[in-house]
Amino acid sequence: MKPRNGLVAAMLVVLASPAGAEVYRNVDAYGNVTFSDEPSDGSEAIEVKPVTTVTLPKPQDVRETEQLREDVQREGSVYESVSFAYPENNQAFHSGSGDVQFELRSSPGLQAGHKYEVTLDGQPVGQTTSGSVTVRNVFRGTHDARVHIVDENGVQVKTGTAITFTVHRPSVAN
């Protein structure tokens, strides 16, 4: 009797699987295209590629936790400050080409493997170890900038205070 129960269970699994499902495409007299899982007059079976799925780990299984946070805090605590030397907060200046040269400083200076990273209006625009980043063709108007210190993995270990500056550029009408 047991082999018969196993056979019934196997048949139920096979019948429940969607492996044999087909999709049909139909075009009506007006050119409207419809898709269905049931064939109709004038429809054609089409091959549907399998959908790629990604299974993410459960949050309790992810081990980023305290060690990484402690490492980043320890690296960031080495720096007392990071800021812009130029431009200054609320500064306005003319730039015909739209180029803006950011001068950066930190106390103490950068550690080996660390870089300054400049973000303009929330987007990263450059990294350097020299303390100077030039951003080309900045649109005229007011912008927000921020400087970060990032480690060799690109993790921000220290963030400076945001500044606002205004770029004046000639227009086509002038």
N, C-alpha and C. Protein backbone atom coordinates (compact mmCIF):
# COMPACT_ATOMS: atom_id res chain seq x y z
N MET A 1 0.81 -1.18 0.00
CA MET A 1 0.00 0.00 0.00
C MET A 1 0.86 1.27 0.00
N LYS A 2 2.04 1.22 0.64
CA LYS A 2 2.90 2.39 0.71
C LYS A 2 3.41 2.82 -0.66
N PRO A 3 3.81 1.92 -1.56
CA PRO A 3 4.27 2.38 -2.87
C PRO A 3 3.18 3.14 -3.61
N ARG A 4 1.94 2.74 -3.41
CA ARG A 4 0.83 3.41 -4.10
C ARG A 4 0.69 4.84 -3.60
N ASN A 5 0.84 5.09 -2.28
CA ASN A 5 0.77 6.44 -1.73
C ASN A 5 1.89 7.31 -2.31
N GLY A 6 3.08 6.75 -2.44
CA GLY A 6 4.21 7.49 -3.02
C GLY A 6 3.96 7.86 -4.47
N LEU A 7 3.31 6.94 -5.23
CA LEU A 7 2.99 7.20 -6.62
C LEU A 7 1.98 8.33 -6.73
N VAL A 8 0.98 8.34 -5.88
CA VAL A 8 -0.04 9.40 -5.90
C VAL A 8 0.61 10.74 -5.57
N ALA A 9 1.49 10.76 -4.58
CA ALA A 9 2.16 12.00 -4.20
C ALA A 9 3.03 12.52 -5.35
N ALA A 10 3.73 11.63 -6.03
CA ALA A 10 4.58 12.03 -7.15
C ALA A 10 3.75 12.60 -8.28
N MET A 11 2.61 12.00 -8.55
CA MET A 11 1.74 12.50 -9.62
C MET A 11 1.20 13.88 -9.27
N LEU A 12 0.85 14.11 -8.01
CA LEU A 12 0.35 15.43 -7.61
C LEU A 12 1.43 16.50 -7.78
N VAL A 13 2.66 16.18 -7.46
CA VAL A 13 3.75 17.14 -7.63
C VAL A 13 3.95 17.47 -9.11
N VAL A 14 3.91 16.47 -9.97
CA VAL A 14 4.09 16.69 -11.41
C VAL A 14 2.95 17.53 -11.96
N LEU A 15 1.74 17.26 -11.56
CA LEU A 15 0.59 18.01 -12.06
C LEU A 15 0.59 19.44 -11.56
N ALA A 16 1.13 19.68 -10.38
CA ALA A 16 1.13 21.02 -9.81
C ALA A 16 2.25 21.90 -10.37
N SER A 17 3.27 21.34 -10.99
CA SER A 17 4.40 22.15 -11.45
C SER A 17 4.02 22.93 -12.71
N PRO A 18 4.50 24.17 -12.81
CA PRO A 18 4.18 25.01 -13.96
C PRO A 18 5.10 24.80 -15.14
N ALA A 19 5.92 23.77 -15.15
CA ALA A 19 6.90 23.57 -16.21
C ALA A 19 6.26 23.46 -17.58
N GLY A 20 5.06 22.94 -17.67
CA GLY A 20 4.42 22.75 -18.96
C GLY A 20 3.55 23.92 -19.38
N ALA A 21 3.52 25.01 -18.63
CA ALA A 21 2.67 26.15 -18.95
C ALA A 21 3.14 26.82 -20.23
N GLU A 22 2.20 27.20 -21.08
CA GLU A 22 2.52 27.88 -22.33
C GLU A 22 1.83 29.23 -22.35
N VAL A 23 2.38 30.13 -23.13
CA VAL A 23 1.79 31.45 -23.31
C VAL A 23 1.43 31.59 -24.78
N TYR A 24 0.24 32.15 -25.02
CA TYR A 24 -0.25 32.32 -26.39
C TYR A 24 -0.40 33.80 -26.69
N ARG A 25 -0.02 34.16 -27.92
CA ARG A 25 -0.11 35.55 -28.39
C ARG A 25 -1.15 35.62 -29.48
N ASN A 26 -2.01 36.62 -29.39
CA ASN A 26 -3.07 36.78 -30.38
C ASN A 26 -3.14 38.24 -30.80
N VAL A 27 -3.28 38.48 -32.10
CA VAL A 27 -3.44 39.83 -32.63
C VAL A 27 -4.81 39.90 -33.27
N ASP A 28 -5.66 40.87 -32.81
CA ASP A 28 -7.02 40.97 -33.36
C ASP A 28 -7.02 41.81 -34.64
N ALA A 29 -8.19 42.02 -35.22
CA ALA A 29 -8.33 42.73 -36.49
C ALA A 29 -7.85 44.18 -36.41
N TYR A 30 -7.81 44.76 -35.22
CA TYR A 30 -7.39 46.14 -35.03
C TYR A 30 -5.91 46.27 -34.65
N GLY A 31 -5.23 45.16 -34.59
CA GLY A 31 -3.82 45.18 -34.27
C GLY A 31 -3.51 45.12 -32.78
N ASN A 32 -4.53 44.94 -31.96
CA ASN A 32 -4.32 44.83 -30.52
C ASN A 32 -3.72 43.47 -30.19
N VAL A 33 -2.67 43.46 -29.40
CA VAL A 33 -2.00 42.22 -29.03
C VAL A 33 -2.43 41.84 -27.62
N THR A 34 -2.81 40.57 -27.47
CA THR A 34 -3.14 40.05 -26.13
C THR A 34 -2.36 38.77 -25.90
N PHE A 35 -2.09 38.50 -24.64
CA PHE A 35 -1.40 37.28 -24.24
C PHE A 35 -2.30 36.53 -23.28
N SER A 36 -2.25 35.20 -23.37
CA SER A 36 -3.10 34.38 -22.52
C SER A 36 -2.43 33.04 -22.28
N ASP A 37 -2.92 32.34 -21.25
CA ASP A 37 -2.43 30.99 -21.01
C ASP A 37 -3.35 29.95 -21.64
N GLU A 38 -4.37 30.43 -22.37
CA GLU A 38 -5.30 29.54 -23.07
C GLU A 38 -5.27 29.86 -24.56
N PRO A 39 -5.19 28.84 -25.40
CA PRO A 39 -5.17 29.10 -26.85
C PRO A 39 -6.53 29.60 -27.33
N SER A 40 -6.51 30.41 -28.39
CA SER A 40 -7.74 30.89 -29.03
C SER A 40 -7.53 30.86 -30.53
N ASP A 41 -8.58 31.15 -31.31
CA ASP A 41 -8.47 31.14 -32.77
C ASP A 41 -7.44 32.15 -33.23
N GLY A 42 -6.48 31.71 -34.02
CA GLY A 42 -5.44 32.58 -34.57
C GLY A 42 -4.29 32.87 -33.62
N SER A 43 -4.29 32.29 -32.44
CA SER A 43 -3.19 32.55 -31.50
C SER A 43 -2.01 31.64 -31.81
N GLU A 44 -0.84 32.09 -31.40
CA GLU A 44 0.36 31.29 -31.60
C GLU A 44 1.07 31.12 -30.25
N ALA A 45 1.63 29.96 -30.04
CA ALA A 45 2.37 29.70 -28.81
C ALA A 45 3.72 30.41 -28.89
N ILE A 46 4.11 31.07 -27.82
CA ILE A 46 5.40 31.74 -27.80
C ILE A 46 6.24 31.18 -26.66
N GLU A 47 7.56 31.26 -26.85
CA GLU A 47 8.48 30.77 -25.83
C GLU A 47 8.79 31.91 -24.87
N VAL A 48 8.58 31.69 -23.61
CA VAL A 48 8.86 32.69 -22.59
C VAL A 48 10.12 32.26 -21.84
N LYS A 49 11.08 33.18 -21.80
CA LYS A 49 12.33 32.87 -21.10
C LYS A 49 12.07 32.85 -19.60
N PRO A 50 12.78 32.01 -18.88
CA PRO A 50 12.57 31.95 -17.43
C PRO A 50 12.95 33.27 -16.77
N VAL A 51 12.26 33.62 -15.72
CA VAL A 51 12.51 34.84 -14.98
C VAL A 51 13.68 34.62 -14.03
N THR A 52 14.60 35.57 -14.02
CA THR A 52 15.73 35.49 -13.11
C THR A 52 15.27 35.97 -11.74
N THR A 53 15.52 35.18 -10.74
CA THR A 53 15.16 35.58 -9.38
C THR A 53 16.41 35.56 -8.51
N VAL A 54 16.40 36.42 -7.52
CA VAL A 54 17.49 36.50 -6.57
C VAL A 54 16.91 36.33 -5.18
N THR A 55 17.44 35.41 -4.44
CA THR A 55 16.99 35.20 -3.08
C THR A 55 17.95 35.89 -2.14
N LEU A 56 17.45 36.89 -1.42
CA LEU A 56 18.29 37.62 -0.49
C LEU A 56 18.35 36.90 0.85
N PRO A 57 19.46 37.03 1.53
CA PRO A 57 19.55 36.38 2.84
C PRO A 57 18.62 37.06 3.84
N LYS A 58 18.21 36.31 4.83
CA LYS A 58 17.35 36.86 5.88
C LYS A 58 18.18 37.82 6.72
N PRO A 59 17.57 38.91 7.21
CA PRO A 59 18.33 39.90 7.98
C PRO A 59 19.10 39.29 9.15
N GLN A 60 18.54 38.29 9.80
CA GLN A 60 19.23 37.70 10.94
C GLN A 60 20.48 36.92 10.52
N ASP A 61 20.59 36.57 9.22
CA ASP A 61 21.75 35.83 8.74
C ASP A 61 22.88 36.73 8.27
N VAL A 62 22.61 38.03 8.11
CA VAL A 62 23.62 38.97 7.63
C VAL A 62 24.48 39.38 8.82
N ARG A 63 25.82 39.30 8.63
CA ARG A 63 26.73 39.55 9.74
C ARG A 63 27.59 40.79 9.50
N GLU A 64 27.02 41.94 9.25
CA GLU A 64 27.78 43.17 9.10
C GLU A 64 28.12 43.70 10.48
N THR A 65 27.26 43.73 11.31
CA THR A 65 27.17 44.07 12.73
C THR A 65 28.27 44.91 13.33
N GLU A 66 28.48 44.66 14.57
CA GLU A 66 29.24 45.53 15.44
C GLU A 66 30.71 45.68 15.05
N GLN A 67 31.36 44.63 14.59
CA GLN A 67 32.80 44.73 14.30
C GLN A 67 33.08 45.76 13.23
N LEU A 68 32.31 45.74 12.13
CA LEU A 68 32.50 46.72 11.06
C LEU A 68 32.20 48.12 11.57
N ARG A 69 31.12 48.29 12.31
CA ARG A 69 30.78 49.60 12.85
C ARG A 69 31.88 50.12 13.77
N GLU A 70 32.41 49.26 14.61
CA GLU A 70 33.49 49.67 15.52
C GLU A 70 34.74 50.07 14.75
N ASP A 71 35.07 49.32 13.69
CA ASP A 71 36.24 49.65 12.87
C ASP A 71 36.08 51.03 12.24
N VAL A 72 34.91 51.32 11.68
CA VAL A 72 34.66 52.60 11.02
C VAL A 72 34.70 53.72 12.05
N GLN A 73 34.11 53.53 13.21
CA GLN A 73 34.12 54.56 14.25
C GLN A 73 35.55 54.82 14.73
N ARG A 74 36.34 53.77 14.87
CA ARG A 74 37.72 53.91 15.32
C ARG A 74 38.53 54.70 14.28
N GLU A 75 38.35 54.38 12.99
CA GLU A 75 39.08 55.10 11.94
C GLU A 75 38.64 56.56 11.90
N GLY A 76 37.33 56.81 12.02
CA GLY A 76 36.81 58.16 11.97
C GLY A 76 37.22 58.99 13.17
N SER A 77 37.41 58.36 14.31
CA SER A 77 37.77 59.10 15.52
C SER A 77 39.21 59.61 15.46
N VAL A 78 40.00 59.11 14.52
CA VAL A 78 41.37 59.58 14.34
C VAL A 78 41.35 61.03 13.86
N TYR A 79 40.33 61.41 13.09
CA TYR A 79 40.24 62.75 12.51
C TYR A 79 39.43 63.67 13.42
N GLU A 80 40.00 64.83 13.71
CA GLU A 80 39.26 65.84 14.48
C GLU A 80 38.27 66.56 13.58
N SER A 81 38.69 66.85 12.34
CA SER A 81 37.81 67.58 11.43
C SER A 81 38.21 67.34 9.98
N VAL A 82 37.26 67.58 9.10
CA VAL A 82 37.49 67.61 7.66
C VAL A 82 36.58 68.71 7.12
N SER A 83 37.16 69.56 6.23
CA SER A 83 36.38 70.72 5.76
C SER A 83 36.92 71.23 4.44
N PHE A 84 36.20 72.22 3.90
CA PHE A 84 36.62 72.90 2.68
C PHE A 84 37.46 74.11 3.06
N ALA A 85 38.61 74.29 2.41
CA ALA A 85 39.37 75.53 2.52
C ALA A 85 38.84 76.52 1.47
N TYR A 86 38.38 75.97 0.34
CA TYR A 86 37.78 76.78 -0.72
C TYR A 86 36.81 75.90 -1.50
N PRO A 87 35.66 76.38 -1.87
CA PRO A 87 35.06 77.67 -1.57
C PRO A 87 34.55 77.71 -0.13
N GLU A 88 34.33 78.91 0.34
CA GLU A 88 33.80 79.08 1.69
C GLU A 88 32.27 78.95 1.64
N ASN A 89 31.69 78.71 2.80
CA ASN A 89 30.23 78.60 2.88
C ASN A 89 29.59 79.93 2.47
N ASN A 90 28.53 79.85 1.67
CA ASN A 90 27.75 80.99 1.17
C ASN A 90 28.54 81.91 0.24
N GLN A 91 29.62 81.41 -0.33
CA GLN A 91 30.42 82.21 -1.26
C GLN A 91 29.77 82.17 -2.64
N ALA A 92 29.88 83.30 -3.36
CA ALA A 92 29.43 83.39 -4.75
C ALA A 92 30.63 83.83 -5.58
N PHE A 93 30.79 83.23 -6.77
CA PHE A 93 31.93 83.57 -7.61
C PHE A 93 31.57 83.33 -9.08
N HIS A 94 32.35 83.98 -9.96
CA HIS A 94 32.17 83.82 -11.40
C HIS A 94 33.07 82.70 -11.91
N SER A 95 32.52 81.89 -12.81
CA SER A 95 33.30 80.84 -13.46
C SER A 95 32.74 80.69 -14.86
N GLY A 96 33.43 81.27 -15.84
CA GLY A 96 32.96 81.23 -17.22
C GLY A 96 32.83 79.81 -17.75
N SER A 97 33.76 78.94 -17.39
CA SER A 97 33.74 77.56 -17.87
C SER A 97 32.89 76.66 -16.98
N GLY A 98 32.58 77.15 -15.77
CA GLY A 98 31.84 76.32 -14.82
C GLY A 98 32.73 75.42 -14.00
N ASP A 99 34.05 75.54 -14.15
CA ASP A 99 34.97 74.71 -13.36
C ASP A 99 35.05 75.24 -11.94
N VAL A 100 34.97 74.34 -10.98
CA VAL A 100 35.10 74.71 -9.57
C VAL A 100 36.20 73.85 -8.98
N GLN A 101 37.18 74.53 -8.36
CA GLN A 101 38.27 73.80 -7.73
C GLN A 101 38.04 73.82 -6.22
N PHE A 102 37.84 72.62 -5.66
CA PHE A 102 37.63 72.47 -4.23
C PHE A 102 38.98 72.22 -3.56
N GLU A 103 39.26 72.98 -2.51
CA GLU A 103 40.46 72.78 -1.70
C GLU A 103 40.00 72.19 -0.37
N LEU A 104 40.62 71.08 0.04
CA LEU A 104 40.16 70.31 1.19
C LEU A 104 41.25 70.23 2.25
N ARG A 105 40.82 70.10 3.51
CA ARG A 105 41.80 69.96 4.59
C ARG A 105 41.20 69.09 5.69
N SER A 106 42.09 68.45 6.43
CA SER A 106 41.65 67.67 7.59
C SER A 106 42.68 67.81 8.68
N SER A 107 42.23 67.56 9.87
CA SER A 107 43.13 67.59 11.02
C SER A 107 42.95 66.30 11.79
N PRO A 108 44.00 65.51 11.92
CA PRO A 108 45.29 65.56 11.24
C PRO A 108 45.13 65.22 9.75
N GLY A 109 46.25 65.24 9.01
CA GLY A 109 46.23 64.92 7.58
C GLY A 109 45.75 63.50 7.33
N LEU A 110 45.56 63.18 6.05
CA LEU A 110 45.05 61.86 5.67
C LEU A 110 45.99 60.74 6.09
N GLN A 111 45.40 59.65 6.53
CA GLN A 111 46.16 58.43 6.80
C GLN A 111 46.39 57.68 5.50
N ALA A 112 47.34 56.77 5.49
CA ALA A 112 47.62 55.96 4.30
C ALA A 112 46.37 55.16 3.94
N GLY A 113 46.04 55.17 2.65
CA GLY A 113 44.88 54.42 2.16
C GLY A 113 43.59 55.22 2.20
N HIS A 114 43.58 56.38 2.85
CA HIS A 114 42.38 57.20 2.92
C HIS A 114 42.39 58.27 1.83
N LYS A 115 41.20 58.73 1.43
CA LYS A 115 41.05 59.76 0.41
C LYS A 115 39.98 60.74 0.83
N TYR A 116 40.08 61.95 0.28
CA TYR A 116 38.98 62.91 0.38
C TYR A 116 38.00 62.58 -0.73
N GLU A 117 36.71 62.69 -0.43
CA GLU A 117 35.68 62.52 -1.46
C GLU A 117 34.76 63.73 -1.38
N VAL A 118 34.52 64.35 -2.53
CA VAL A 118 33.64 65.52 -2.61
C VAL A 118 32.32 65.09 -3.23
N THR A 119 31.22 65.52 -2.60
CA THR A 119 29.90 65.31 -3.19
C THR A 119 29.31 66.68 -3.51
N LEU A 120 28.68 66.76 -4.65
CA LEU A 120 28.05 67.99 -5.11
C LEU A 120 26.58 67.70 -5.33
N ASP A 121 25.74 68.41 -4.61
CA ASP A 121 24.29 68.19 -4.67
C ASP A 121 23.94 66.73 -4.43
N GLY A 122 24.66 66.12 -3.50
CA GLY A 122 24.38 64.74 -3.08
C GLY A 122 25.03 63.66 -3.92
N GLN A 123 25.73 64.02 -4.99
CA GLN A 123 26.35 63.03 -5.86
C GLN A 123 27.87 63.11 -5.77
N PRO A 124 28.57 61.97 -5.65
CA PRO A 124 30.03 62.00 -5.61
C PRO A 124 30.58 62.52 -6.94
N VAL A 125 31.55 63.46 -6.85
CA VAL A 125 32.11 64.05 -8.07
C VAL A 125 33.62 63.89 -8.16
N GLY A 126 34.27 63.44 -7.10
CA GLY A 126 35.71 63.26 -7.19
C GLY A 126 36.32 62.81 -5.89
N GLN A 127 37.47 62.12 -6.02
CA GLN A 127 38.26 61.68 -4.88
C GLN A 127 39.71 62.08 -5.11
N THR A 128 40.40 62.34 -4.03
CA THR A 128 41.80 62.73 -4.13
C THR A 128 42.53 62.47 -2.82
N THR A 129 43.83 62.35 -2.92
CA THR A 129 44.67 62.32 -1.72
C THR A 129 45.44 63.63 -1.60
N SER A 130 45.39 64.47 -2.64
CA SER A 130 46.19 65.69 -2.68
C SER A 130 45.53 66.87 -1.97
N GLY A 131 44.23 66.82 -1.74
CA GLY A 131 43.55 67.95 -1.10
C GLY A 131 42.95 68.92 -2.09
N SER A 132 42.92 68.57 -3.38
CA SER A 132 42.35 69.44 -4.39
C SER A 132 41.57 68.61 -5.40
N VAL A 133 40.31 68.99 -5.64
CA VAL A 133 39.47 68.31 -6.63
C VAL A 133 38.86 69.38 -7.52
N THR A 134 39.01 69.23 -8.85
CA THR A 134 38.39 70.15 -9.80
C THR A 134 37.20 69.45 -10.44
N VAL A 135 36.06 70.13 -10.38
CA VAL A 135 34.84 69.62 -11.01
C VAL A 135 34.54 70.52 -12.19
N ARG A 136 34.39 69.91 -13.35
CA ARG A 136 34.20 70.65 -14.60
C ARG A 136 32.72 70.89 -14.89
N ASN A 137 32.44 72.02 -15.52
CA ASN A 137 31.12 72.36 -16.07
C ASN A 137 30.00 72.29 -15.03
N VAL A 138 30.21 72.91 -13.90
CA VAL A 138 29.16 73.00 -12.88
C VAL A 138 28.15 74.03 -13.37
N PHE A 139 26.87 73.68 -13.36
CA PHE A 139 25.82 74.60 -13.82
C PHE A 139 25.78 75.83 -12.94
N ARG A 140 25.35 76.94 -13.53
CA ARG A 140 25.23 78.15 -12.72
C ARG A 140 24.10 77.97 -11.73
N GLY A 141 24.20 78.68 -10.63
CA GLY A 141 23.21 78.59 -9.58
C GLY A 141 23.83 78.18 -8.26
N THR A 142 22.97 77.89 -7.31
CA THR A 142 23.41 77.55 -5.96
C THR A 142 23.52 76.04 -5.80
N HIS A 143 24.59 75.60 -5.16
CA HIS A 143 24.86 74.17 -4.99
C HIS A 143 25.25 73.88 -3.54
N ASP A 144 25.04 72.63 -3.15
CA ASP A 144 25.47 72.14 -1.84
C ASP A 144 26.64 71.19 -2.07
N ALA A 145 27.66 71.31 -1.24
CA ALA A 145 28.83 70.42 -1.34
C ALA A 145 29.16 69.89 0.05
N ARG A 146 29.77 68.71 0.05
CA ARG A 146 30.18 68.08 1.30
C ARG A 146 31.47 67.32 1.03
N VAL A 147 32.33 67.26 2.03
CA VAL A 147 33.58 66.51 1.91
C VAL A 147 33.55 65.38 2.94
N HIS A 148 34.03 64.22 2.51
CA HIS A 148 34.11 63.03 3.35
C HIS A 148 35.53 62.50 3.28
N ILE A 149 35.91 61.75 4.29
CA ILE A 149 37.13 60.96 4.22
C ILE A 149 36.67 59.52 4.09
N VAL A 150 37.20 58.83 3.06
CA VAL A 150 36.83 57.43 2.83
C VAL A 150 38.06 56.56 2.97
N ASP A 151 37.83 55.33 3.44
CA ASP A 151 38.95 54.39 3.58
C ASP A 151 39.19 53.65 2.28
N GLU A 152 40.11 52.69 2.29
CA GLU A 152 40.48 51.95 1.06
C GLU A 152 39.32 51.14 0.49
N ASN A 153 38.27 50.88 1.29
CA ASN A 153 37.10 50.15 0.81
C ASN A 153 35.99 51.09 0.34
N GLY A 154 36.23 52.40 0.40
CA GLY A 154 35.21 53.36 -0.01
C GLY A 154 34.20 53.67 1.07
N VAL A 155 34.45 53.23 2.30
CA VAL A 155 33.55 53.47 3.42
C VAL A 155 33.88 54.84 4.02
N GLN A 156 32.84 55.68 4.20
CA GLN A 156 33.05 57.00 4.77
C GLN A 156 33.36 56.87 6.26
N VAL A 157 34.52 57.41 6.66
CA VAL A 157 34.92 57.34 8.06
C VAL A 157 34.79 58.69 8.77
N LYS A 158 34.71 59.79 8.02
CA LYS A 158 34.52 61.11 8.61
C LYS A 158 33.83 61.99 7.58
N THR A 159 32.87 62.80 8.03
CA THR A 159 32.12 63.68 7.15
C THR A 159 32.20 65.10 7.69
N GLY A 160 32.45 66.03 6.79
CA GLY A 160 32.52 67.44 7.18
C GLY A 160 31.16 68.11 7.07
N THR A 161 31.10 69.34 7.53
CA THR A 161 29.89 70.14 7.47
C THR A 161 29.64 70.55 6.02
N ALA A 162 28.38 70.51 5.60
CA ALA A 162 28.02 70.89 4.23
C ALA A 162 28.19 72.40 4.04
N ILE A 163 28.55 72.78 2.83
CA ILE A 163 28.62 74.20 2.47
C ILE A 163 27.68 74.46 1.30
N THR A 164 27.31 75.71 1.13
CA THR A 164 26.49 76.16 0.01
C THR A 164 27.29 77.23 -0.72
N PHE A 165 27.31 77.19 -2.05
CA PHE A 165 27.99 78.22 -2.83
C PHE A 165 27.20 78.46 -4.11
N THR A 166 27.45 79.61 -4.73
CA THR A 166 26.73 79.98 -5.95
C THR A 166 27.73 80.26 -7.06
N VAL A 167 27.48 79.65 -8.22
CA VAL A 167 28.32 79.84 -9.40
C VAL A 167 27.58 80.78 -10.35
N HIS A 168 28.27 81.87 -10.74
CA HIS A 168 27.74 82.78 -11.76
C HIS A 168 28.46 82.47 -13.06
N ARG A 169 27.67 82.24 -14.11
CA ARG A 169 28.24 81.97 -15.44
C ARG A 169 27.53 82.84 -16.45
N PRO A 170 28.24 83.25 -17.50
CA PRO A 170 27.56 84.05 -18.53
C PRO A 170 26.54 83.18 -19.27
N SER A 171 25.46 83.79 -19.67
CA SER A 171 24.44 83.06 -20.45
C SER A 171 24.64 83.38 -21.92
N VAL A 172 23.95 82.68 -22.78
CA VAL A 172 24.02 82.90 -24.23
C VAL A 172 23.50 84.28 -24.57
N ALA A 173 22.51 84.77 -23.81
CA ALA A 173 21.91 86.08 -24.07
C ALA A 173 22.85 87.21 -23.71
N ASN A 174 23.86 86.99 -22.86
CA ASN A 174 24.76 88.08 -22.43
C ASN A 174 25.98 88.16 -23.29
